[in-house]
Amino acid sequence: MTRIGVMSDTHGSVPEQVYTFFNDADIILHAGDLGSVEVLKELRNFKQIVAVYGNCDGKYLDNNLHGLISFDIEEVKILMTHIGGYPKHYNKDLIPVFREQKPDLFICGHSHILKIVYDDEFNFLVINPGACGKEGFHQKSTLVRFVIDGKQIKDLDVLDFSKF
């Protein structure tokens, strides 16, 4: 069993809620727009982190960050990027990737809007954790956590809090 924390769009600051909500997490997945090298370092000092860069990051953040990554946690294949979209409104460049890689879970950010939905066409769960940083139009910051147990994605939980 692996406890997962998912976040996106920190835009240069890590809210204090990350440390309590993700306290029991084994790994944090960050779906881009970290905002600074310091955010990445801070998160790495807290937990194991897997991150992609976002459109506001540039590749300057870390040579090890990519725009699109695929990896497994237990028996769940995960595909993560920053600008991904949602069912019927995906970034068109991702459609062939979905067909080829057949992920079980697709994680993206960018929209600053929390969205968790199952895609029946591609047969995967989509998680956009919204935004947890102070920058952007969102009024509520959001974080998502869940558990992977073998092939199962379960115990999904959302925290929302004021960004101000």
N, C-alpha and C. Protein backbone atom coordinates (compact mmCIF):
# COMPACT_ATOMS: atom_id res chain seq x y z
N MET A 1 0.85 -1.18 0.00
CA MET A 1 0.00 0.00 0.00
C MET A 1 0.89 1.24 0.00
N THR A 2 0.59 2.17 -0.92
CA THR A 2 1.36 3.39 -1.05
C THR A 2 0.44 4.59 -0.93
N ARG A 3 0.77 5.49 -0.02
CA ARG A 3 -0.02 6.71 0.18
C ARG A 3 0.54 7.82 -0.72
N ILE A 4 -0.35 8.42 -1.50
CA ILE A 4 0.05 9.40 -2.52
C ILE A 4 -0.55 10.76 -2.19
N GLY A 5 0.25 11.80 -2.34
CA GLY A 5 -0.24 13.18 -2.29
C GLY A 5 -0.10 13.78 -3.68
N VAL A 6 -1.09 14.52 -4.14
CA VAL A 6 -1.03 15.14 -5.47
C VAL A 6 -1.28 16.64 -5.33
N MET A 7 -0.42 17.41 -5.99
CA MET A 7 -0.54 18.86 -5.96
C MET A 7 -0.11 19.44 -7.28
N SER A 8 -0.46 20.69 -7.50
CA SER A 8 -0.07 21.38 -8.72
C SER A 8 -0.11 22.88 -8.49
N ASP A 9 0.54 23.59 -9.37
CA ASP A 9 0.46 25.04 -9.44
C ASP A 9 0.75 25.72 -8.10
N THR A 10 1.92 25.41 -7.54
CA THR A 10 2.37 26.08 -6.32
C THR A 10 2.85 27.50 -6.64
N HIS A 11 3.34 27.72 -7.83
CA HIS A 11 3.77 29.05 -8.28
C HIS A 11 4.67 29.77 -7.28
N GLY A 12 5.61 29.01 -6.70
CA GLY A 12 6.65 29.64 -5.89
C GLY A 12 6.49 29.55 -4.39
N SER A 13 5.39 28.98 -3.90
CA SER A 13 5.24 28.86 -2.45
C SER A 13 4.53 27.56 -2.09
N VAL A 14 5.01 26.94 -1.01
CA VAL A 14 4.39 25.70 -0.52
C VAL A 14 3.51 26.07 0.68
N PRO A 15 2.21 25.89 0.56
CA PRO A 15 1.35 26.22 1.70
C PRO A 15 1.59 25.27 2.87
N GLU A 16 1.40 25.78 4.07
CA GLU A 16 1.64 24.97 5.28
C GLU A 16 0.76 23.73 5.34
N GLN A 17 -0.41 23.77 4.69
CA GLN A 17 -1.34 22.63 4.70
C GLN A 17 -0.72 21.39 4.06
N VAL A 18 0.25 21.57 3.17
CA VAL A 18 0.92 20.43 2.53
C VAL A 18 1.54 19.52 3.60
N TYR A 19 2.12 20.13 4.62
CA TYR A 19 2.85 19.36 5.62
C TYR A 19 1.94 18.55 6.53
N THR A 20 0.74 19.00 6.74
CA THR A 20 -0.19 18.22 7.56
C THR A 20 -0.98 17.23 6.71
N PHE A 21 -1.52 17.69 5.58
CA PHE A 21 -2.35 16.83 4.74
C PHE A 21 -1.55 15.68 4.12
N PHE A 22 -0.30 15.94 3.80
CA PHE A 22 0.57 14.91 3.20
C PHE A 22 1.53 14.29 4.21
N ASN A 23 1.30 14.49 5.50
CA ASN A 23 2.21 13.98 6.52
C ASN A 23 2.44 12.47 6.41
N ASP A 24 1.39 11.72 6.11
CA ASP A 24 1.51 10.26 6.01
C ASP A 24 1.80 9.77 4.60
N ALA A 25 1.96 10.69 3.65
CA ALA A 25 2.20 10.28 2.26
C ALA A 25 3.58 9.63 2.13
N ASP A 26 3.62 8.64 1.26
CA ASP A 26 4.90 8.01 0.92
C ASP A 26 5.58 8.76 -0.21
N ILE A 27 4.78 9.40 -1.05
CA ILE A 27 5.31 10.10 -2.22
C ILE A 27 4.35 11.24 -2.59
N ILE A 28 4.90 12.32 -3.09
CA ILE A 28 4.10 13.44 -3.57
C ILE A 28 4.31 13.56 -5.08
N LEU A 29 3.21 13.71 -5.80
CA LEU A 29 3.24 13.94 -7.24
C LEU A 29 2.87 15.40 -7.48
N HIS A 30 3.73 16.12 -8.18
CA HIS A 30 3.50 17.54 -8.46
C HIS A 30 3.32 17.70 -9.97
N ALA A 31 2.16 18.19 -10.38
CA ALA A 31 1.80 18.28 -11.79
C ALA A 31 2.16 19.63 -12.42
N GLY A 32 3.26 20.22 -12.00
CA GLY A 32 3.82 21.37 -12.71
C GLY A 32 3.45 22.74 -12.20
N ASP A 33 4.17 23.72 -12.73
CA ASP A 33 4.16 25.11 -12.27
C ASP A 33 4.57 25.18 -10.81
N LEU A 34 5.76 24.62 -10.55
CA LEU A 34 6.35 24.70 -9.21
C LEU A 34 6.65 26.16 -8.87
N GLY A 35 7.20 26.88 -9.82
CA GLY A 35 7.44 28.30 -9.63
C GLY A 35 8.85 28.67 -9.23
N SER A 36 9.58 27.74 -8.65
CA SER A 36 10.96 28.03 -8.27
C SER A 36 11.70 26.75 -7.92
N VAL A 37 12.99 26.84 -7.99
CA VAL A 37 13.85 25.73 -7.58
C VAL A 37 13.68 25.49 -6.08
N GLU A 38 13.46 26.55 -5.33
CA GLU A 38 13.30 26.43 -3.88
C GLU A 38 12.10 25.57 -3.50
N VAL A 39 10.99 25.68 -4.25
CA VAL A 39 9.82 24.85 -3.98
C VAL A 39 10.17 23.38 -4.16
N LEU A 40 10.86 23.07 -5.22
CA LEU A 40 11.26 21.68 -5.47
C LEU A 40 12.17 21.18 -4.36
N LYS A 41 13.13 21.98 -3.95
CA LYS A 41 14.05 21.58 -2.86
C LYS A 41 13.29 21.39 -1.55
N GLU A 42 12.39 22.31 -1.27
CA GLU A 42 11.60 22.22 -0.03
C GLU A 42 10.78 20.94 0.00
N LEU A 43 10.12 20.63 -1.11
CA LEU A 43 9.32 19.41 -1.16
C LEU A 43 10.19 18.16 -1.08
N ARG A 44 11.35 18.19 -1.72
CA ARG A 44 12.26 17.04 -1.66
C ARG A 44 12.80 16.81 -0.24
N ASN A 45 12.92 17.88 0.53
CA ASN A 45 13.35 17.73 1.92
C ASN A 45 12.25 17.15 2.81
N PHE A 46 11.01 17.22 2.34
CA PHE A 46 9.86 16.73 3.10
C PHE A 46 9.53 15.28 2.76
N LYS A 47 9.43 14.97 1.48
CA LYS A 47 9.01 13.64 1.03
C LYS A 47 9.68 13.32 -0.31
N GLN A 48 9.57 12.06 -0.70
CA GLN A 48 9.95 11.69 -2.07
C GLN A 48 8.98 12.40 -3.00
N ILE A 49 9.49 12.98 -4.08
CA ILE A 49 8.63 13.72 -4.99
C ILE A 49 8.91 13.33 -6.43
N VAL A 50 7.83 13.23 -7.21
CA VAL A 50 7.91 13.07 -8.65
C VAL A 50 7.20 14.28 -9.23
N ALA A 51 7.87 15.02 -10.11
CA ALA A 51 7.30 16.26 -10.63
C ALA A 51 7.55 16.40 -12.12
N VAL A 52 6.69 17.17 -12.75
CA VAL A 52 6.88 17.60 -14.14
C VAL A 52 6.97 19.12 -14.12
N TYR A 53 7.59 19.69 -15.14
CA TYR A 53 7.61 21.14 -15.22
C TYR A 53 6.34 21.62 -15.91
N GLY A 54 5.95 22.84 -15.58
CA GLY A 54 4.76 23.45 -16.18
C GLY A 54 5.12 24.58 -17.10
N ASN A 55 4.12 25.19 -17.70
CA ASN A 55 4.36 26.25 -18.68
C ASN A 55 4.97 27.50 -18.05
N CYS A 56 4.87 27.67 -16.75
CA CYS A 56 5.49 28.83 -16.09
C CYS A 56 6.87 28.51 -15.52
N ASP A 57 7.31 27.27 -15.63
CA ASP A 57 8.58 26.87 -15.03
C ASP A 57 9.77 27.03 -15.96
N GLY A 58 9.62 26.63 -17.19
CA GLY A 58 10.79 26.53 -18.04
C GLY A 58 11.60 25.34 -17.57
N LYS A 59 12.49 24.90 -18.37
CA LYS A 59 13.30 23.72 -18.03
C LYS A 59 14.44 24.07 -17.08
N TYR A 60 14.57 25.37 -16.73
CA TYR A 60 15.65 25.80 -15.86
C TYR A 60 15.56 25.20 -14.47
N LEU A 61 14.37 24.75 -14.06
CA LEU A 61 14.19 24.26 -12.70
C LEU A 61 15.11 23.10 -12.36
N ASP A 62 15.15 22.13 -13.20
CA ASP A 62 15.89 20.92 -12.87
C ASP A 62 16.06 20.11 -14.15
N ASN A 63 17.26 19.73 -14.44
CA ASN A 63 17.50 18.94 -15.65
C ASN A 63 16.79 17.59 -15.62
N ASN A 64 16.40 17.15 -14.44
CA ASN A 64 15.73 15.86 -14.33
C ASN A 64 14.21 15.96 -14.49
N LEU A 65 13.67 17.16 -14.60
CA LEU A 65 12.23 17.31 -14.80
C LEU A 65 11.90 17.28 -16.28
N HIS A 66 10.81 16.61 -16.59
CA HIS A 66 10.34 16.53 -17.97
C HIS A 66 8.92 17.08 -18.03
N GLY A 67 8.43 17.29 -19.22
CA GLY A 67 7.07 17.79 -19.40
C GLY A 67 6.02 16.72 -19.34
N LEU A 68 6.40 15.48 -19.61
CA LEU A 68 5.48 14.34 -19.61
C LEU A 68 6.24 13.13 -19.11
N ILE A 69 5.70 12.47 -18.10
CA ILE A 69 6.36 11.27 -17.58
C ILE A 69 5.34 10.15 -17.38
N SER A 70 5.85 8.95 -17.47
CA SER A 70 5.06 7.74 -17.23
C SER A 70 5.83 6.89 -16.23
N PHE A 71 5.14 6.39 -15.23
CA PHE A 71 5.80 5.59 -14.20
C PHE A 71 4.74 4.71 -13.52
N ASP A 72 5.20 3.71 -12.81
CA ASP A 72 4.31 2.80 -12.10
C ASP A 72 4.48 2.99 -10.60
N ILE A 73 3.37 2.94 -9.90
CA ILE A 73 3.38 2.80 -8.44
C ILE A 73 2.56 1.56 -8.16
N GLU A 74 3.23 0.59 -7.58
CA GLU A 74 2.66 -0.75 -7.42
C GLU A 74 2.21 -1.23 -8.80
N GLU A 75 0.93 -1.55 -8.98
CA GLU A 75 0.45 -2.07 -10.27
C GLU A 75 -0.35 -1.03 -11.06
N VAL A 76 -0.21 0.24 -10.69
CA VAL A 76 -0.94 1.32 -11.36
C VAL A 76 0.02 2.10 -12.25
N LYS A 77 -0.30 2.15 -13.54
CA LYS A 77 0.49 2.92 -14.49
C LYS A 77 -0.01 4.36 -14.51
N ILE A 78 0.89 5.30 -14.26
CA ILE A 78 0.53 6.70 -14.14
C ILE A 78 1.19 7.50 -15.26
N LEU A 79 0.42 8.39 -15.85
CA LEU A 79 0.92 9.34 -16.84
C LEU A 79 0.66 10.73 -16.25
N MET A 80 1.71 11.58 -16.24
CA MET A 80 1.56 12.90 -15.64
C MET A 80 2.19 13.97 -16.52
N THR A 81 1.46 15.08 -16.65
CA THR A 81 1.92 16.25 -17.38
C THR A 81 1.28 17.48 -16.76
N HIS A 82 1.63 18.65 -17.26
CA HIS A 82 1.02 19.86 -16.70
C HIS A 82 -0.26 20.22 -17.46
N ILE A 83 -0.15 20.48 -18.75
CA ILE A 83 -1.32 20.88 -19.53
C ILE A 83 -1.91 19.63 -20.18
N GLY A 84 -2.97 19.10 -19.58
CA GLY A 84 -3.52 17.84 -20.06
C GLY A 84 -4.96 17.92 -20.51
N GLY A 85 -5.77 18.66 -19.78
CA GLY A 85 -7.19 18.72 -20.10
C GLY A 85 -7.98 17.67 -19.34
N TYR A 86 -9.14 17.34 -19.89
CA TYR A 86 -10.03 16.38 -19.26
C TYR A 86 -10.84 15.71 -20.37
N PRO A 87 -11.62 14.66 -20.04
CA PRO A 87 -12.31 13.90 -21.09
C PRO A 87 -13.04 14.79 -22.10
N LYS A 88 -12.84 14.47 -23.36
CA LYS A 88 -13.38 15.18 -24.53
C LYS A 88 -12.72 16.55 -24.76
N HIS A 89 -11.80 16.93 -23.88
CA HIS A 89 -11.12 18.23 -24.00
C HIS A 89 -9.64 18.11 -23.66
N TYR A 90 -9.02 17.02 -24.09
CA TYR A 90 -7.60 16.81 -23.82
C TYR A 90 -6.72 17.62 -24.76
N ASN A 91 -5.52 17.87 -24.33
CA ASN A 91 -4.47 18.37 -25.22
C ASN A 91 -4.36 17.32 -26.32
N LYS A 92 -4.58 17.71 -27.57
CA LYS A 92 -4.65 16.74 -28.68
C LYS A 92 -3.37 15.93 -28.86
N ASP A 93 -2.24 16.47 -28.42
CA ASP A 93 -0.97 15.73 -28.54
C ASP A 93 -0.92 14.52 -27.61
N LEU A 94 -1.80 14.48 -26.63
CA LEU A 94 -1.79 13.37 -25.67
C LEU A 94 -2.58 12.16 -26.14
N ILE A 95 -3.50 12.34 -27.07
CA ILE A 95 -4.36 11.23 -27.50
C ILE A 95 -3.55 10.01 -27.96
N PRO A 96 -2.54 10.18 -28.84
CA PRO A 96 -1.76 9.00 -29.22
C PRO A 96 -0.98 8.39 -28.05
N VAL A 97 -0.58 9.22 -27.10
CA VAL A 97 0.13 8.72 -25.92
C VAL A 97 -0.81 7.86 -25.07
N PHE A 98 -2.05 8.32 -24.90
CA PHE A 98 -3.04 7.53 -24.16
C PHE A 98 -3.23 6.16 -24.81
N ARG A 99 -3.35 6.16 -26.13
CA ARG A 99 -3.59 4.90 -26.86
C ARG A 99 -2.40 3.97 -26.77
N GLU A 100 -1.21 4.53 -26.83
CA GLU A 100 0.00 3.69 -26.80
C GLU A 100 0.32 3.21 -25.38
N GLN A 101 0.24 4.09 -24.40
CA GLN A 101 0.70 3.75 -23.05
C GLN A 101 -0.38 3.12 -22.17
N LYS A 102 -1.64 3.40 -22.48
CA LYS A 102 -2.76 2.84 -21.72
C LYS A 102 -2.60 2.99 -20.20
N PRO A 103 -2.52 4.25 -19.73
CA PRO A 103 -2.36 4.45 -18.29
C PRO A 103 -3.64 4.09 -17.52
N ASP A 104 -3.47 3.84 -16.23
CA ASP A 104 -4.60 3.62 -15.33
C ASP A 104 -5.03 4.93 -14.68
N LEU A 105 -4.06 5.86 -14.60
CA LEU A 105 -4.28 7.13 -13.93
C LEU A 105 -3.58 8.22 -14.72
N PHE A 106 -4.31 9.30 -15.00
CA PHE A 106 -3.75 10.45 -15.70
C PHE A 106 -3.83 11.65 -14.77
N ILE A 107 -2.69 12.28 -14.50
CA ILE A 107 -2.62 13.43 -13.60
C ILE A 107 -2.12 14.63 -14.39
N CYS A 108 -2.81 15.75 -14.22
CA CYS A 108 -2.39 17.00 -14.86
C CYS A 108 -2.76 18.16 -13.96
N GLY A 109 -2.31 19.35 -14.33
CA GLY A 109 -2.60 20.55 -13.56
C GLY A 109 -3.07 21.65 -14.50
N HIS A 110 -2.51 22.85 -14.33
CA HIS A 110 -2.66 24.00 -15.21
C HIS A 110 -3.96 24.78 -15.07
N SER A 111 -5.09 24.13 -14.99
CA SER A 111 -6.38 24.84 -15.03
C SER A 111 -6.71 25.57 -13.73
N HIS A 112 -6.06 25.20 -12.65
CA HIS A 112 -6.36 25.72 -11.30
C HIS A 112 -7.76 25.30 -10.85
N ILE A 113 -8.31 24.30 -11.51
CA ILE A 113 -9.65 23.81 -11.17
C ILE A 113 -9.55 22.33 -10.80
N LEU A 114 -9.95 22.00 -9.58
CA LEU A 114 -9.98 20.62 -9.12
C LEU A 114 -10.94 19.83 -9.99
N LYS A 115 -10.48 18.70 -10.52
CA LYS A 115 -11.35 17.83 -11.31
C LYS A 115 -10.87 16.40 -11.13
N ILE A 116 -11.79 15.55 -10.71
CA ILE A 116 -11.51 14.11 -10.58
C ILE A 116 -12.66 13.40 -11.28
N VAL A 117 -12.32 12.70 -12.36
CA VAL A 117 -13.35 12.08 -13.19
C VAL A 117 -12.78 10.82 -13.85
N TYR A 118 -13.63 9.85 -14.07
CA TYR A 118 -13.21 8.66 -14.78
C TYR A 118 -13.49 8.83 -16.27
N ASP A 119 -12.52 8.52 -17.11
CA ASP A 119 -12.68 8.60 -18.56
C ASP A 119 -13.02 7.22 -19.10
N ASP A 120 -14.27 7.04 -19.55
CA ASP A 120 -14.72 5.75 -20.08
C ASP A 120 -14.12 5.42 -21.44
N GLU A 121 -13.77 6.45 -22.20
CA GLU A 121 -13.19 6.20 -23.53
C GLU A 121 -11.80 5.59 -23.41
N PHE A 122 -10.97 6.14 -22.55
CA PHE A 122 -9.59 5.66 -22.41
C PHE A 122 -9.40 4.75 -21.19
N ASN A 123 -10.44 4.59 -20.41
CA ASN A 123 -10.41 3.70 -19.24
C ASN A 123 -9.34 4.06 -18.23
N PHE A 124 -9.32 5.33 -17.81
CA PHE A 124 -8.43 5.73 -16.73
C PHE A 124 -9.08 6.81 -15.88
N LEU A 125 -8.56 6.95 -14.68
CA LEU A 125 -9.00 8.00 -13.78
C LEU A 125 -8.18 9.25 -14.08
N VAL A 126 -8.85 10.39 -14.13
CA VAL A 126 -8.19 11.68 -14.35
C VAL A 126 -8.23 12.45 -13.04
N ILE A 127 -7.06 12.91 -12.61
CA ILE A 127 -6.99 13.77 -11.42
C ILE A 127 -6.26 15.04 -11.79
N ASN A 128 -6.96 16.16 -11.64
CA ASN A 128 -6.33 17.47 -11.68
C ASN A 128 -6.54 18.01 -10.27
N PRO A 129 -5.45 18.16 -9.49
CA PRO A 129 -5.61 18.56 -8.10
C PRO A 129 -5.95 20.04 -7.90
N GLY A 130 -6.16 20.78 -8.98
CA GLY A 130 -6.39 22.21 -8.86
C GLY A 130 -5.08 22.91 -8.55
N ALA A 131 -5.15 24.03 -7.88
CA ALA A 131 -3.94 24.80 -7.56
C ALA A 131 -3.83 24.95 -6.05
N CYS A 132 -2.61 24.89 -5.53
CA CYS A 132 -2.45 25.09 -4.09
C CYS A 132 -1.61 26.32 -3.77
N GLY A 133 -1.12 27.01 -4.78
CA GLY A 133 -0.33 28.22 -4.55
C GLY A 133 -1.21 29.45 -4.41
N LYS A 134 -0.56 30.58 -4.17
CA LYS A 134 -1.28 31.84 -3.97
C LYS A 134 -1.60 32.56 -5.27
N GLU A 135 -0.86 32.24 -6.35
CA GLU A 135 -1.03 32.93 -7.62
C GLU A 135 -2.14 32.28 -8.45
N GLY A 136 -2.95 33.11 -9.11
CA GLY A 136 -3.98 32.59 -9.99
C GLY A 136 -5.36 33.05 -9.58
N PHE A 137 -6.33 32.74 -10.41
CA PHE A 137 -7.70 33.21 -10.21
C PHE A 137 -8.48 32.41 -9.18
N HIS A 138 -8.00 31.23 -8.82
CA HIS A 138 -8.75 30.37 -7.91
C HIS A 138 -8.92 31.04 -6.53
N GLN A 139 -10.08 30.81 -5.93
CA GLN A 139 -10.35 31.35 -4.58
C GLN A 139 -9.99 30.34 -3.50
N LYS A 140 -10.10 29.07 -3.84
CA LYS A 140 -9.77 27.99 -2.91
C LYS A 140 -8.55 27.25 -3.44
N SER A 141 -7.62 26.96 -2.56
CA SER A 141 -6.49 26.10 -2.89
C SER A 141 -6.91 24.67 -2.59
N THR A 142 -6.37 23.73 -3.35
CA THR A 142 -6.78 22.33 -3.17
C THR A 142 -5.59 21.38 -3.25
N LEU A 143 -5.70 20.30 -2.50
CA LEU A 143 -4.74 19.19 -2.49
C LEU A 143 -5.53 17.90 -2.54
N VAL A 144 -4.95 16.86 -3.12
CA VAL A 144 -5.61 15.56 -3.23
C VAL A 144 -4.68 14.49 -2.68
N ARG A 145 -5.25 13.53 -1.98
CA ARG A 145 -4.47 12.36 -1.55
C ARG A 145 -5.31 11.11 -1.75
N PHE A 146 -4.61 9.99 -1.91
CA PHE A 146 -5.28 8.71 -2.10
C PHE A 146 -4.28 7.60 -1.81
N VAL A 147 -4.76 6.39 -1.89
CA VAL A 147 -3.94 5.21 -1.64
C VAL A 147 -3.94 4.35 -2.89
N ILE A 148 -2.77 3.81 -3.22
CA ILE A 148 -2.68 2.77 -4.24
C ILE A 148 -2.38 1.48 -3.50
N ASP A 149 -3.22 0.48 -3.74
CA ASP A 149 -3.07 -0.83 -3.13
C ASP A 149 -3.15 -1.86 -4.23
N GLY A 150 -1.99 -2.28 -4.72
CA GLY A 150 -1.95 -3.18 -5.87
C GLY A 150 -2.41 -2.46 -7.11
N LYS A 151 -3.55 -2.90 -7.65
CA LYS A 151 -4.14 -2.25 -8.83
C LYS A 151 -5.21 -1.22 -8.45
N GLN A 152 -5.56 -1.17 -7.17
CA GLN A 152 -6.66 -0.31 -6.72
C GLN A 152 -6.19 1.10 -6.38
N ILE A 153 -6.99 2.08 -6.78
CA ILE A 153 -6.85 3.46 -6.36
C ILE A 153 -8.02 3.71 -5.43
N LYS A 154 -7.74 4.02 -4.17
CA LYS A 154 -8.84 4.11 -3.20
C LYS A 154 -8.56 5.18 -2.14
N ASP A 155 -9.55 5.38 -1.29
CA ASP A 155 -9.45 6.31 -0.16
C ASP A 155 -9.07 7.72 -0.62
N LEU A 156 -9.69 8.17 -1.70
CA LEU A 156 -9.41 9.50 -2.24
C LEU A 156 -9.98 10.56 -1.31
N ASP A 157 -9.18 11.60 -1.06
CA ASP A 157 -9.57 12.66 -0.14
C ASP A 157 -9.09 13.99 -0.71
N VAL A 158 -9.88 15.04 -0.51
CA VAL A 158 -9.56 16.38 -1.01
C VAL A 158 -9.54 17.35 0.18
N LEU A 159 -8.56 18.24 0.17
CA LEU A 159 -8.52 19.34 1.13
C LEU A 159 -8.63 20.63 0.35
N ASP A 160 -9.58 21.47 0.75
CA ASP A 160 -9.62 22.81 0.16
C ASP A 160 -9.46 23.82 1.28
N PHE A 161 -8.80 24.91 0.97
CA PHE A 161 -8.50 25.95 1.96
C PHE A 161 -8.32 27.28 1.24
N SER A 162 -8.49 28.35 1.98
CA SER A 162 -8.36 29.68 1.39
C SER A 162 -6.91 29.93 1.01
N LYS A 163 -6.70 30.51 -0.15
CA LYS A 163 -5.33 30.78 -0.58
C LYS A 163 -4.81 32.08 0.05
N PHE A 164 -5.66 32.79 0.73
CA PHE A 164 -5.26 34.08 1.29
C PHE A 164 -4.78 33.97 2.73
